[in-house]
Amino acid sequence: MAGGRVLVTDAEERSVVAAVRGLARAGYEVTATSSQRPAAGFWSRAAKQRLRLPDAREDQLGFVERLEETLERQRHDVLLPGTEASMLAASAGRERLARLTHDGSSRGERHRLTEGDGGPRLD
């Protein structure tokens, strides 16, 4: 395994299945997570491990706690949230997760959903 280990959330989403496959093809060992069953990403041979997590939209704290437990048990080089809800939850739990993995945020800022003139956006 040349690429490292990546934990990808939201394996029930088709776009995430494509990411799992692409990462595996590039040499990464991929752990796919989902809050739903069935999850298309769980059926992919590209995912070396499959884990259930609480739904980030319904239980943000539970989602972060389970991610933290998973990352403490097994090192992953990168956490790749597959949806906006997971990205926002991981961002909110950044202090807990940052010591365990890299989340891809280059600025070290939290993301939050804001309402403005143009509708919801990430700041």
PDB file of N, CA and C in Angstrom:
ATOM      1  N   MET A   1       0.848  -1.183   0.000  1.00  0.00           N
ATOM      2  CA  MET A   1       0.000   0.000   0.000  1.00  0.00           C
ATOM      3  C   MET A   1       0.889   1.241   0.000  1.00  0.00           C
ATOM      4  N   ALA A   2       0.932   1.937  -1.104  1.00  0.00           N
ATOM      5  CA  ALA A   2       1.809   3.084  -1.253  1.00  0.00           C
ATOM      6  C   ALA A   2       1.171   4.374  -0.784  1.00  0.00           C
ATOM      7  N   GLY A   3      -0.154   4.468  -0.816  1.00  0.00           N
ATOM      8  CA  GLY A   3      -0.806   5.743  -0.604  1.00  0.00           C
ATOM      9  C   GLY A   3      -1.146   6.112   0.813  1.00  0.00           C
ATOM     10  N   GLY A   4      -1.305   5.161   1.714  1.00  0.00           N
ATOM     11  CA  GLY A   4      -1.743   5.454   3.068  1.00  0.00           C
ATOM     12  C   GLY A   4      -3.167   4.989   3.279  1.00  0.00           C
ATOM     13  N   ARG A   5      -3.720   5.343   4.411  1.00  0.00           N
ATOM     14  CA  ARG A   5      -5.062   4.886   4.775  1.00  0.00           C
ATOM     15  C   ARG A   5      -6.002   6.095   4.862  1.00  0.00           C
ATOM     16  N   VAL A   6      -7.179   5.959   4.243  1.00  0.00           N
ATOM     17  CA  VAL A   6      -8.169   7.042   4.195  1.00  0.00           C
ATOM     18  C   VAL A   6      -9.496   6.528   4.740  1.00  0.00           C
ATOM     19  N   LEU A   7     -10.108   7.289   5.626  1.00  0.00           N
ATOM     20  CA  LEU A   7     -11.457   6.993   6.118  1.00  0.00           C
ATOM     21  C   LEU A   7     -12.427   7.909   5.389  1.00  0.00           C
ATOM     22  N   VAL A   8     -13.357   7.317   4.654  1.00  0.00           N
ATOM     23  CA  VAL A   8     -14.324   8.066   3.856  1.00  0.00           C
ATOM     24  C   VAL A   8     -15.713   7.853   4.450  1.00  0.00           C
ATOM     25  N   THR A   9     -16.432   8.933   4.714  1.00  0.00           N
ATOM     26  CA  THR A   9     -17.775   8.827   5.282  1.00  0.00           C
ATOM     27  C   THR A   9     -18.832   8.793   4.187  1.00  0.00           C
ATOM     28  N   ASP A  10     -20.025   8.402   4.555  1.00  0.00           N
ATOM     29  CA  ASP A  10     -21.214   8.491   3.696  1.00  0.00           C
ATOM     30  C   ASP A  10     -21.150   7.565   2.477  1.00  0.00           C
ATOM     31  N   ALA A  11     -20.775   6.321   2.719  1.00  0.00           N
ATOM     32  CA  ALA A  11     -20.619   5.351   1.627  1.00  0.00           C
ATOM     33  C   ALA A  11     -21.935   4.977   0.964  1.00  0.00           C
ATOM     34  N   GLU A  12     -23.047   5.508   1.454  1.00  0.00           N
ATOM     35  CA  GLU A  12     -24.338   5.262   0.801  1.00  0.00           C
ATOM     36  C   GLU A  12     -24.525   6.163  -0.425  1.00  0.00           C
ATOM     37  N   GLU A  13     -23.681   7.169  -0.564  1.00  0.00           N
ATOM     38  CA  GLU A  13     -23.779   8.115  -1.682  1.00  0.00           C
ATOM     39  C   GLU A  13     -22.973   7.619  -2.887  1.00  0.00           C
ATOM     40  N   ARG A  14     -23.550   7.709  -4.079  1.00  0.00           N
ATOM     41  CA  ARG A  14     -22.852   7.248  -5.287  1.00  0.00           C
ATOM     42  C   ARG A  14     -21.533   7.975  -5.507  1.00  0.00           C
ATOM     43  N   SER A  15     -21.514   9.259  -5.250  1.00  0.00           N
ATOM     44  CA  SER A  15     -20.268  10.012  -5.440  1.00  0.00           C
ATOM     45  C   SER A  15     -19.171   9.508  -4.515  1.00  0.00           C
ATOM     46  N   VAL A  16     -19.556   9.060  -3.332  1.00  0.00           N
ATOM     47  CA  VAL A  16     -18.575   8.528  -2.385  1.00  0.00           C
ATOM     48  C   VAL A  16     -18.060   7.170  -2.862  1.00  0.00           C
ATOM     49  N   VAL A  17     -18.937   6.371  -3.449  1.00  0.00           N
ATOM     50  CA  VAL A  17     -18.498   5.087  -4.005  1.00  0.00           C
ATOM     51  C   VAL A  17     -17.421   5.337  -5.063  1.00  0.00           C
ATOM     52  N   ALA A  18     -17.624   6.333  -5.901  1.00  0.00           N
ATOM     53  CA  ALA A  18     -16.627   6.674  -6.920  1.00  0.00           C
ATOM     54  C   ALA A  18     -15.316   7.111  -6.262  1.00  0.00           C
ATOM     55  N   ALA A  19     -15.403   7.875  -5.180  1.00  0.00           N
ATOM     56  CA  ALA A  19     -14.197   8.309  -4.464  1.00  0.00           C
ATOM     57  C   ALA A  19     -13.473   7.115  -3.855  1.00  0.00           C
ATOM     58  N   VAL A  20     -14.211   6.190  -3.264  1.00  0.00           N
ATOM     59  CA  VAL A  20     -13.623   4.986  -2.676  1.00  0.00           C
ATOM     60  C   VAL A  20     -12.869   4.198  -3.754  1.00  0.00           C
ATOM     61  N   ARG A  21     -13.498   4.010  -4.888  1.00  0.00           N
ATOM     62  CA  ARG A  21     -12.861   3.264  -5.981  1.00  0.00           C
ATOM     63  C   ARG A  21     -11.615   3.971  -6.499  1.00  0.00           C
ATOM     64  N   GLY A  22     -11.728   5.268  -6.683  1.00  0.00           N
ATOM     65  CA  GLY A  22     -10.586   6.029  -7.186  1.00  0.00           C
ATOM     66  C   GLY A  22      -9.414   6.027  -6.211  1.00  0.00           C
ATOM     67  N   LEU A  23      -9.705   6.177  -4.933  1.00  0.00           N
ATOM     68  CA  LEU A  23      -8.645   6.153  -3.919  1.00  0.00           C
ATOM     69  C   LEU A  23      -7.959   4.786  -3.885  1.00  0.00           C
ATOM     70  N   ALA A  24      -8.758   3.721  -3.942  1.00  0.00           N
ATOM     71  CA  ALA A  24      -8.190   2.373  -3.932  1.00  0.00           C
ATOM     72  C   ALA A  24      -7.317   2.150  -5.163  1.00  0.00           C
ATOM     73  N   ARG A  25      -7.801   2.607  -6.316  1.00  0.00           N
ATOM     74  CA  ARG A  25      -7.028   2.469  -7.556  1.00  0.00           C
ATOM     75  C   ARG A  25      -5.700   3.223  -7.477  1.00  0.00           C
ATOM     76  N   ALA A  26      -5.702   4.328  -6.731  1.00  0.00           N
ATOM     77  CA  ALA A  26      -4.491   5.134  -6.595  1.00  0.00           C
ATOM     78  C   ALA A  26      -3.543   4.577  -5.528  1.00  0.00           C
ATOM     79  N   GLY A  27      -3.940   3.482  -4.875  1.00  0.00           N
ATOM     80  CA  GLY A  27      -3.043   2.844  -3.921  1.00  0.00           C
ATOM     81  C   GLY A  27      -3.348   3.090  -2.462  1.00  0.00           C
ATOM     82  N   TYR A  28      -4.469   3.741  -2.178  1.00  0.00           N
ATOM     83  CA  TYR A  28      -4.849   3.993  -0.784  1.00  0.00           C
ATOM     84  C   TYR A  28      -5.654   2.822  -0.231  1.00  0.00           C
ATOM     85  N   GLU A  29      -5.509   2.581   1.054  1.00  0.00           N
ATOM     86  CA  GLU A  29      -6.353   1.610   1.744  1.00  0.00           C
ATOM     87  C   GLU A  29      -7.543   2.394   2.289  1.00  0.00           C
ATOM     88  N   VAL A  30      -8.744   2.021   1.893  1.00  0.00           N
ATOM     89  CA  VAL A  30      -9.931   2.817   2.195  1.00  0.00           C
ATOM     90  C   VAL A  30     -10.828   2.117   3.210  1.00  0.00           C
ATOM     91  N   THR A  31     -11.223   2.876   4.234  1.00  0.00           N
ATOM     92  CA  THR A  31     -12.260   2.462   5.161  1.00  0.00           C
ATOM     93  C   THR A  31     -13.503   3.261   4.797  1.00  0.00           C
ATOM     94  N   ALA A  32     -14.582   2.574   4.457  1.00  0.00           N
ATOM     95  CA  ALA A  32     -15.843   3.234   4.096  1.00  0.00           C
ATOM     96  C   ALA A  32     -16.781   3.190   5.295  1.00  0.00           C
ATOM     97  N   THR A  33     -17.429   4.316   5.580  1.00  0.00           N
ATOM     98  CA  THR A  33     -18.395   4.368   6.669  1.00  0.00           C
ATOM     99  C   THR A  33     -19.744   4.828   6.145  1.00  0.00           C
ATOM    100  N   SER A  34     -20.785   4.423   6.856  1.00  0.00           N
ATOM    101  CA  SER A  34     -22.136   4.838   6.482  1.00  0.00           C
ATOM    102  C   SER A  34     -23.037   4.755   7.706  1.00  0.00           C
ATOM    103  N   SER A  35     -24.059   5.558   7.704  1.00  0.00           N
ATOM    104  CA  SER A  35     -25.079   5.482   8.746  1.00  0.00           C
ATOM    105  C   SER A  35     -26.263   4.657   8.269  1.00  0.00           C
ATOM    106  N   GLN A  36     -26.246   4.279   7.007  1.00  0.00           N
ATOM    107  CA  GLN A  36     -27.396   3.587   6.415  1.00  0.00           C
ATOM    108  C   GLN A  36     -27.023   2.198   5.933  1.00  0.00           C
ATOM    109  N   ARG A  37     -28.036   1.352   5.909  1.00  0.00           N
ATOM    110  CA  ARG A  37     -27.929   0.033   5.283  1.00  0.00           C
ATOM    111  C   ARG A  37     -29.106  -0.129   4.370  1.00  0.00           C
ATOM    112  N   PRO A  38     -28.954  -0.594   3.192  1.00  0.00           N
ATOM    113  CA  PRO A  38     -27.671  -0.921   2.593  1.00  0.00           C
ATOM    114  C   PRO A  38     -26.918   0.334   2.172  1.00  0.00           C
ATOM    115  N   ALA A  39     -25.620   0.211   2.064  1.00  0.00           N
ATOM    116  CA  ALA A  39     -24.768   1.299   1.590  1.00  0.00           C
ATOM    117  C   ALA A  39     -23.968   0.771   0.408  1.00  0.00           C
ATOM    118  N   ALA A  40     -24.118   1.396  -0.724  1.00  0.00           N
ATOM    119  CA  ALA A  40     -23.462   0.919  -1.949  1.00  0.00           C
ATOM    120  C   ALA A  40     -21.957   0.768  -1.768  1.00  0.00           C
ATOM    121  N   GLY A  41     -21.354   1.668  -1.022  1.00  0.00           N
ATOM    122  CA  GLY A  41     -19.913   1.607  -0.794  1.00  0.00           C
ATOM    123  C   GLY A  41     -19.476   0.392  -0.011  1.00  0.00           C
ATOM    124  N   PHE A  42     -20.390  -0.189   0.756  1.00  0.00           N
ATOM    125  CA  PHE A  42     -20.062  -1.395   1.512  1.00  0.00           C
ATOM    126  C   PHE A  42     -19.949  -2.606   0.593  1.00  0.00           C
ATOM    127  N   TRP A  43     -20.551  -2.528  -0.578  1.00  0.00           N
ATOM    128  CA  TRP A  43     -20.515  -3.641  -1.533  1.00  0.00           C
ATOM    129  C   TRP A  43     -19.270  -3.588  -2.409  1.00  0.00           C
ATOM    130  N   SER A  44     -18.594  -2.459  -2.404  1.00  0.00           N
ATOM    131  CA  SER A  44     -17.423  -2.297  -3.263  1.00  0.00           C
ATOM    132  C   SER A  44     -16.225  -3.055  -2.699  1.00  0.00           C
ATOM    133  N   ARG A  45     -15.552  -3.783  -3.559  1.00  0.00           N
ATOM    134  CA  ARG A  45     -14.327  -4.476  -3.159  1.00  0.00           C
ATOM    135  C   ARG A  45     -13.204  -3.487  -2.871  1.00  0.00           C
ATOM    136  N   ALA A  46     -13.360  -2.244  -3.326  1.00  0.00           N
ATOM    137  CA  ALA A  46     -12.331  -1.231  -3.100  1.00  0.00           C
ATOM    138  C   ALA A  46     -12.230  -0.831  -1.632  1.00  0.00           C
ATOM    139  N   ALA A  47     -13.300  -1.005  -0.871  1.00  0.00           N
ATOM    140  CA  ALA A  47     -13.280  -0.688   0.556  1.00  0.00           C
ATOM    141  C   ALA A  47     -12.700  -1.871   1.321  1.00  0.00           C
ATOM    142  N   LYS A  48     -11.600  -1.641   2.014  1.00  0.00           N
ATOM    143  CA  LYS A  48     -10.967  -2.713   2.787  1.00  0.00           C
ATOM    144  C   LYS A  48     -11.700  -2.951   4.098  1.00  0.00           C
ATOM    145  N   GLN A  49     -12.292  -1.895   4.645  1.00  0.00           N
ATOM    146  CA  GLN A  49     -13.053  -2.001   5.886  1.00  0.00           C
ATOM    147  C   GLN A  49     -14.359  -1.235   5.722  1.00  0.00           C
ATOM    148  N   ARG A  50     -15.365  -1.668   6.475  1.00  0.00           N
ATOM    149  CA  ARG A  50     -16.687  -1.025   6.434  1.00  0.00           C
ATOM    150  C   ARG A  50     -17.170  -0.833   7.863  1.00  0.00           C
ATOM    151  N   LEU A  51     -17.604   0.376   8.173  1.00  0.00           N
ATOM    152  CA  LEU A  51     -18.042   0.694   9.534  1.00  0.00           C
ATOM    153  C   LEU A  51     -19.350   1.467   9.517  1.00  0.00           C
ATOM    154  N   ARG A  52     -20.179   1.214  10.485  1.00  0.00           N
ATOM    155  CA  ARG A  52     -21.414   2.001  10.670  1.00  0.00           C
ATOM    156  C   ARG A  52     -21.119   3.145  11.629  1.00  0.00           C
ATOM    157  N   LEU A  53     -21.634   4.317  11.288  1.00  0.00           N
ATOM    158  CA  LEU A  53     -21.531   5.506  12.130  1.00  0.00           C
ATOM    159  C   LEU A  53     -22.926   6.078  12.322  1.00  0.00           C
ATOM    160  N   PRO A  54     -23.135   6.829  13.408  1.00  0.00           N
ATOM    161  CA  PRO A  54     -24.402   7.560  13.525  1.00  0.00           C
ATOM    162  C   PRO A  54     -24.530   8.562  12.371  1.00  0.00           C
ATOM    163  N   ASP A  55     -25.747   8.921  12.035  1.00  0.00           N
ATOM    164  CA  ASP A  55     -26.006   9.895  10.974  1.00  0.00           C
ATOM    165  C   ASP A  55     -25.596  11.282  11.461  1.00  0.00           C
ATOM    166  N   ALA A  56     -24.692  11.929  10.744  1.00  0.00           N
ATOM    167  CA  ALA A  56     -24.184  13.251  11.136  1.00  0.00           C
ATOM    168  C   ALA A  56     -25.281  14.302  11.154  1.00  0.00           C
ATOM    169  N   ARG A  57     -26.354  14.101  10.371  1.00  0.00           N
ATOM    170  CA  ARG A  57     -27.456  15.072  10.352  1.00  0.00           C
ATOM    171  C   ARG A  57     -28.314  14.974  11.604  1.00  0.00           C
ATOM    172  N   GLU A  58     -28.378  13.783  12.185  1.00  0.00           N
ATOM    173  CA  GLU A  58     -29.258  13.557  13.329  1.00  0.00           C
ATOM    174  C   GLU A  58     -28.526  13.515  14.662  1.00  0.00           C
ATOM    175  N   ASP A  59     -27.254  13.128  14.665  1.00  0.00           N
ATOM    176  CA  ASP A  59     -26.499  12.954  15.901  1.00  0.00           C
ATOM    177  C   ASP A  59     -25.053  13.364  15.670  1.00  0.00           C
ATOM    178  N   GLN A  60     -24.832  14.666  15.601  1.00  0.00           N
ATOM    179  CA  GLN A  60     -23.503  15.184  15.299  1.00  0.00           C
ATOM    180  C   GLN A  60     -22.478  14.737  16.349  1.00  0.00           C
ATOM    181  N   LEU A  61     -22.835  14.802  17.620  1.00  0.00           N
ATOM    182  CA  LEU A  61     -21.913  14.406  18.680  1.00  0.00           C
ATOM    183  C   LEU A  61     -21.598  12.911  18.600  1.00  0.00           C
ATOM    184  N   GLY A  62     -22.620  12.084  18.400  1.00  0.00           N
ATOM    185  CA  GLY A  62     -22.402  10.649  18.262  1.00  0.00           C
ATOM    186  C   GLY A  62     -21.524  10.318  17.079  1.00  0.00           C
ATOM    187  N   PHE A  63     -21.719  11.033  15.984  1.00  0.00           N
ATOM    188  CA  PHE A  63     -20.907  10.859  14.782  1.00  0.00           C
ATOM    189  C   PHE A  63     -19.436  11.132  15.095  1.00  0.00           C
ATOM    190  N   VAL A  64     -19.172  12.256  15.744  1.00  0.00           N
ATOM    191  CA  VAL A  64     -17.790  12.634  16.073  1.00  0.00           C
ATOM    192  C   VAL A  64     -17.190  11.651  17.077  1.00  0.00           C
ATOM    193  N   GLU A  65     -17.960  11.252  18.078  1.00  0.00           N
ATOM    194  CA  GLU A  65     -17.456  10.304  19.068  1.00  0.00           C
ATOM    195  C   GLU A  65     -17.062   8.983  18.422  1.00  0.00           C
ATOM    196  N   ARG A  66     -17.905   8.482  17.528  1.00  0.00           N
ATOM    197  CA  ARG A  66     -17.600   7.211  16.861  1.00  0.00           C
ATOM    198  C   ARG A  66     -16.408   7.345  15.929  1.00  0.00           C
ATOM    199  N   LEU A  67     -16.290   8.482  15.237  1.00  0.00           N
ATOM    200  CA  LEU A  67     -15.100   8.733  14.418  1.00  0.00           C
ATOM    201  C   LEU A  67     -13.851   8.733  15.292  1.00  0.00           C
ATOM    202  N   GLU A  68     -13.928   9.422  16.412  1.00  0.00           N
ATOM    203  CA  GLU A  68     -12.782   9.498  17.321  1.00  0.00           C
ATOM    204  C   GLU A  68     -12.376   8.103  17.799  1.00  0.00           C
ATOM    205  N   GLU A  69     -13.345   7.297  18.201  1.00  0.00           N
ATOM    206  CA  GLU A  69     -13.056   5.925  18.640  1.00  0.00           C
ATOM    207  C   GLU A  69     -12.386   5.123  17.524  1.00  0.00           C
ATOM    208  N   THR A  70     -12.907   5.253  16.330  1.00  0.00           N
ATOM    209  CA  THR A  70     -12.369   4.525  15.178  1.00  0.00           C
ATOM    210  C   THR A  70     -10.936   4.948  14.889  1.00  0.00           C
ATOM    211  N   LEU A  71     -10.684   6.244  14.898  1.00  0.00           N
ATOM    212  CA  LEU A  71      -9.354   6.762  14.590  1.00  0.00           C
ATOM    213  C   LEU A  71      -8.354   6.452  15.697  1.00  0.00           C
ATOM    214  N   GLU A  72      -8.828   6.326  16.929  1.00  0.00           N
ATOM    215  CA  GLU A  72      -7.936   5.940  18.024  1.00  0.00           C
ATOM    216  C   GLU A  72      -7.536   4.471  17.910  1.00  0.00           C
ATOM    217  N   ARG A  73      -8.456   3.633  17.447  1.00  0.00           N
ATOM    218  CA  ARG A  73      -8.180   2.196  17.287  1.00  0.00           C
ATOM    219  C   ARG A  73      -7.257   1.920  16.111  1.00  0.00           C
ATOM    220  N   GLN A  74      -7.445   2.674  15.045  1.00  0.00           N
ATOM    221  CA  GLN A  74      -6.660   2.427  13.839  1.00  0.00           C
ATOM    222  C   GLN A  74      -6.337   3.746  13.153  1.00  0.00           C
ATOM    223  N   ARG A  75      -5.053   3.962  12.928  1.00  0.00           N
ATOM    224  CA  ARG A  75      -4.599   5.208  12.311  1.00  0.00           C
ATOM    225  C   ARG A  75      -5.089   5.296  10.871  1.00  0.00           C
ATOM    226  N   HIS A  76      -5.583   6.463  10.513  1.00  0.00           N
ATOM    227  CA  HIS A  76      -5.923   6.807   9.131  1.00  0.00           C
ATOM    228  C   HIS A  76      -5.224   8.128   8.841  1.00  0.00           C
ATOM    229  N   ASP A  77      -4.610   8.218   7.690  1.00  0.00           N
ATOM    230  CA  ASP A  77      -3.868   9.430   7.344  1.00  0.00           C
ATOM    231  C   ASP A  77      -4.785  10.609   7.051  1.00  0.00           C
ATOM    232  N   VAL A  78      -5.944  10.303   6.472  1.00  0.00           N
ATOM    233  CA  VAL A  78      -6.863  11.362   6.051  1.00  0.00           C
ATOM    234  C   VAL A  78      -8.299  10.959   6.358  1.00  0.00           C
ATOM    235  N   LEU A  79      -9.077  11.926   6.808  1.00  0.00           N
ATOM    236  CA  LEU A  79     -10.524  11.793   6.953  1.00  0.00           C
ATOM    237  C   LEU A  79     -11.154  12.565   5.803  1.00  0.00           C
ATOM    238  N   LEU A  80     -11.967  11.871   5.004  1.00  0.00           N
ATOM    239  CA  LEU A  80     -12.618  12.497   3.855  1.00  0.00           C
ATOM    240  C   LEU A  80     -14.129  12.444   4.039  1.00  0.00           C
ATOM    241  N   PRO A  81     -14.731  13.534   4.527  1.00  0.00           N
ATOM    242  CA  PRO A  81     -16.195  13.549   4.649  1.00  0.00           C
ATOM    243  C   PRO A  81     -16.843  13.501   3.271  1.00  0.00           C
ATOM    244  N   GLY A  82     -17.883  12.671   3.145  1.00  0.00           N
ATOM    245  CA  GLY A  82     -18.523  12.482   1.853  1.00  0.00           C
ATOM    246  C   GLY A  82     -19.701  13.398   1.589  1.00  0.00           C
ATOM    247  N   THR A  83     -20.216  14.041   2.632  1.00  0.00           N
ATOM    248  CA  THR A  83     -21.346  14.964   2.462  1.00  0.00           C
ATOM    249  C   THR A  83     -21.115  16.218   3.297  1.00  0.00           C
ATOM    250  N   GLU A  84     -21.909  17.221   3.007  1.00  0.00           N
ATOM    251  CA  GLU A  84     -21.813  18.463   3.765  1.00  0.00           C
ATOM    252  C   GLU A  84     -22.085  18.240   5.248  1.00  0.00           C
ATOM    253  N   ALA A  85     -23.070  17.417   5.580  1.00  0.00           N
ATOM    254  CA  ALA A  85     -23.399  17.168   6.991  1.00  0.00           C
ATOM    255  C   ALA A  85     -22.215  16.546   7.720  1.00  0.00           C
ATOM    256  N   SER A  86     -21.549  15.609   7.093  1.00  0.00           N
ATOM    257  CA  SER A  86     -20.380  14.981   7.723  1.00  0.00           C
ATOM    258  C   SER A  86     -19.219  15.957   7.833  1.00  0.00           C
ATOM    259  N   MET A  87     -19.033  16.784   6.817  1.00  0.00           N
ATOM    260  CA  MET A  87     -17.969  17.782   6.858  1.00  0.00           C
ATOM    261  C   MET A  87     -18.210  18.783   7.986  1.00  0.00           C
ATOM    262  N   LEU A  88     -19.461  19.220   8.136  1.00  0.00           N
ATOM    263  CA  LEU A  88     -19.787  20.164   9.199  1.00  0.00           C
ATOM    264  C   LEU A  88     -19.614  19.530  10.580  1.00  0.00           C
ATOM    265  N   ALA A  89     -20.020  18.279  10.733  1.00  0.00           N
ATOM    266  CA  ALA A  89     -19.862  17.581  12.013  1.00  0.00           C
ATOM    267  C   ALA A  89     -18.378  17.393  12.339  1.00  0.00           C
ATOM    268  N   ALA A  90     -17.589  16.960  11.353  1.00  0.00           N
ATOM    269  CA  ALA A  90     -16.154  16.784  11.579  1.00  0.00           C
ATOM    270  C   ALA A  90     -15.485  18.106  11.902  1.00  0.00           C
ATOM    271  N   SER A  91     -15.925  19.164  11.265  1.00  0.00           N
ATOM    272  CA  SER A  91     -15.390  20.487  11.548  1.00  0.00           C
ATOM    273  C   SER A  91     -15.727  20.920  12.969  1.00  0.00           C
ATOM    274  N   ALA A  92     -16.952  20.653  13.394  1.00  0.00           N
ATOM    275  CA  ALA A  92     -17.358  21.001  14.761  1.00  0.00           C
ATOM    276  C   ALA A  92     -16.561  20.203  15.789  1.00  0.00           C
ATOM    277  N   GLY A  93     -16.161  18.989  15.432  1.00  0.00           N
ATOM    278  CA  GLY A  93     -15.384  18.151  16.331  1.00  0.00           C
ATOM    279  C   GLY A  93     -13.899  18.176  16.045  1.00  0.00           C
ATOM    280  N   ARG A  94     -13.465  19.191  15.359  1.00  0.00           N
ATOM    281  CA  ARG A  94     -12.075  19.287  14.909  1.00  0.00           C
ATOM    282  C   ARG A  94     -11.050  19.128  16.030  1.00  0.00           C
ATOM    283  N   GLU A  95     -11.309  19.720  17.194  1.00  0.00           N
ATOM    284  CA  GLU A  95     -10.353  19.631  18.292  1.00  0.00           C
ATOM    285  C   GLU A  95     -10.130  18.178  18.707  1.00  0.00           C
ATOM    286  N   ARG A  96     -11.166  17.375  18.615  1.00  0.00           N
ATOM    287  CA  ARG A  96     -11.080  15.966  19.005  1.00  0.00           C
ATOM    288  C   ARG A  96     -10.431  15.117  17.924  1.00  0.00           C
ATOM    289  N   LEU A  97     -10.621  15.488  16.672  1.00  0.00           N
ATOM    290  CA  LEU A  97     -10.171  14.653  15.561  1.00  0.00           C
ATOM    291  C   LEU A  97      -8.812  15.056  15.001  1.00  0.00           C
ATOM    292  N   ALA A  98      -8.434  16.312  15.150  1.00  0.00           N
ATOM    293  CA  ALA A  98      -7.216  16.826  14.511  1.00  0.00           C
ATOM    294  C   ALA A  98      -5.957  16.112  14.993  1.00  0.00           C
ATOM    295  N   ARG A  99      -5.944  15.669  16.226  1.00  0.00           N
ATOM    296  CA  ARG A  99      -4.752  14.983  16.739  1.00  0.00           C
ATOM    297  C   ARG A  99      -4.628  13.563  16.170  1.00  0.00           C
ATOM    298  N   LEU A 100      -5.712  13.076  15.560  1.00  0.00           N
ATOM    299  CA  LEU A 100      -5.752  11.691  15.102  1.00  0.00           C
ATOM    300  C   LEU A 100      -5.591  11.529  13.598  1.00  0.00           C
ATOM    301  N   THR A 101      -5.920  12.551  12.825  1.00  0.00           N
ATOM    302  CA  THR A 101      -5.861  12.454  11.369  1.00  0.00           C
ATOM    303  C   THR A 101      -5.864  13.849  10.758  1.00  0.00           C
ATOM    304  N   HIS A 102      -5.659  13.904   9.454  1.00  0.00           N
ATOM    305  CA  HIS A 102      -5.717  15.162   8.708  1.00  0.00           C
ATOM    306  C   HIS A 102      -7.070  15.230   8.002  1.00  0.00           C
ATOM    307  N   ASP A 103      -7.757  16.349   8.116  1.00  0.00           N
ATOM    308  CA  ASP A 103      -9.092  16.450   7.515  1.00  0.00           C
ATOM    309  C   ASP A 103      -9.115  17.194   6.189  1.00  0.00           C
ATOM    310  N   GLY A 104      -7.969  17.563   5.672  1.00  0.00           N
ATOM    311  CA  GLY A 104      -7.918  18.211   4.373  1.00  0.00           C
ATOM    312  C   GLY A 104      -8.103  19.715   4.415  1.00  0.00           C
ATOM    313  N   SER A 105      -8.386  20.277   5.571  1.00  0.00           N
ATOM    314  CA  SER A 105      -8.566  21.718   5.671  1.00  0.00           C
ATOM    315  C   SER A 105      -7.196  22.375   5.781  1.00  0.00           C
ATOM    316  N   SER A 106      -6.876  23.196   4.822  1.00  0.00           N
ATOM    317  CA  SER A 106      -5.548  23.808   4.807  1.00  0.00           C
ATOM    318  C   SER A 106      -5.453  25.038   5.705  1.00  0.00           C
ATOM    319  N   ARG A 107      -6.572  25.663   5.982  1.00  0.00           N
ATOM    320  CA  ARG A 107      -6.534  26.900   6.760  1.00  0.00           C
ATOM    321  C   ARG A 107      -6.710  26.670   8.249  1.00  0.00           C
ATOM    322  N   GLY A 108      -7.080  25.462   8.637  1.00  0.00           N
ATOM    323  CA  GLY A 108      -7.280  25.193  10.050  1.00  0.00           C
ATOM    324  C   GLY A 108      -8.507  25.878  10.620  1.00  0.00           C
ATOM    325  N   GLU A 109      -9.446  26.233   9.768  1.00  0.00           N
ATOM    326  CA  GLU A 109     -10.650  26.917  10.222  1.00  0.00           C
ATOM    327  C   GLU A 109     -11.812  25.945  10.322  1.00  0.00           C
ATOM    328  N   ARG A 110     -12.742  26.275  11.177  1.00  0.00           N
ATOM    329  CA  ARG A 110     -13.975  25.507  11.238  1.00  0.00           C
ATOM    330  C   ARG A 110     -14.876  25.950  10.105  1.00  0.00           C
ATOM    331  N   HIS A 111     -15.659  25.021   9.621  1.00  0.00           N
ATOM    332  CA  HIS A 111     -16.650  25.345   8.613  1.00  0.00           C
ATOM    333  C   HIS A 111     -17.990  25.466   9.310  1.00  0.00           C
ATOM    334  N   ARG A 112     -18.798  26.373   8.860  1.00  0.00           N
ATOM    335  CA  ARG A 112     -20.141  26.483   9.414  1.00  0.00           C
ATOM    336  C   ARG A 112     -21.070  26.948   8.313  1.00  0.00           C
ATOM    337  N   LEU A 113     -22.313  26.562   8.455  1.00  0.00           N
ATOM    338  CA  LEU A 113     -23.325  26.928   7.481  1.00  0.00           C
ATOM    339  C   LEU A 113     -23.919  28.262   7.909  1.00  0.00           C
ATOM    340  N   THR A 114     -23.935  29.223   6.997  1.00  0.00           N
ATOM    341  CA  THR A 114     -24.490  30.539   7.314  1.00  0.00           C
ATOM    342  C   THR A 114     -25.551  30.896   6.301  1.00  0.00           C
ATOM    343  N   GLU A 115     -26.457  31.740   6.707  1.00  0.00           N
ATOM    344  CA  GLU A 115     -27.486  32.250   5.807  1.00  0.00           C
ATOM    345  C   GLU A 115     -27.084  33.661   5.391  1.00  0.00           C
ATOM    346  N   GLY A 116     -27.189  33.928   4.150  1.00  0.00           N
ATOM    347  CA  GLY A 116     -26.873  35.267   3.656  1.00  0.00           C
ATOM    348  C   GLY A 116     -27.835  35.650   2.550  1.00  0.00           C
ATOM    349  N   ASP A 117     -27.514  36.710   1.828  1.00  0.00           N
ATOM    350  CA  ASP A 117     -28.357  37.171   0.751  1.00  0.00           C
ATOM    351  C   ASP A 117     -28.554  36.112  -0.333  1.00  0.00           C
ATOM    352  N   GLY A 118     -27.524  35.300  -0.562  1.00  0.00           N
ATOM    353  CA  GLY A 118     -27.590  34.293  -1.608  1.00  0.00           C
ATOM    354  C   GLY A 118     -28.057  32.933  -1.101  1.00  0.00           C
ATOM    355  N   GLY A 119     -28.562  32.849   0.098  1.00  0.00           N
ATOM    356  CA  GLY A 119     -28.980  31.563   0.658  1.00  0.00           C
ATOM    357  C   GLY A 119     -27.875  30.930   1.469  1.00  0.00           C
ATOM    358  N   PRO A 120     -28.045  29.679   1.866  1.00  0.00           N
ATOM    359  CA  PRO A 120     -27.039  29.023   2.692  1.00  0.00           C
ATOM    360  C   PRO A 120     -25.703  28.915   1.976  1.00  0.00           C
ATOM    361  N   ARG A 121     -24.626  29.078   2.731  1.00  0.00           N
ATOM    362  CA  ARG A 121     -23.286  28.906   2.197  1.00  0.00           C
ATOM    363  C   ARG A 121     -22.356  28.511   3.325  1.00  0.00           C
ATOM    364  N   LEU A 122     -21.217  27.972   2.952  1.00  0.00           N
ATOM    365  CA  LEU A 122     -20.199  27.605   3.934  1.00  0.00           C
ATOM    366  C   LEU A 122     -19.255  28.776   4.117  1.00  0.00           C
ATOM    367  N   ASP A 123     -18.959  29.091   5.352  1.00  0.00           N
ATOM    368  CA  ASP A 123     -17.961  30.129   5.653  1.00  0.00           C
ATOM    369  C   ASP A 123     -16.730  29.472   6.223  1.00  0.00           C
TER     370      ASP A 123
END
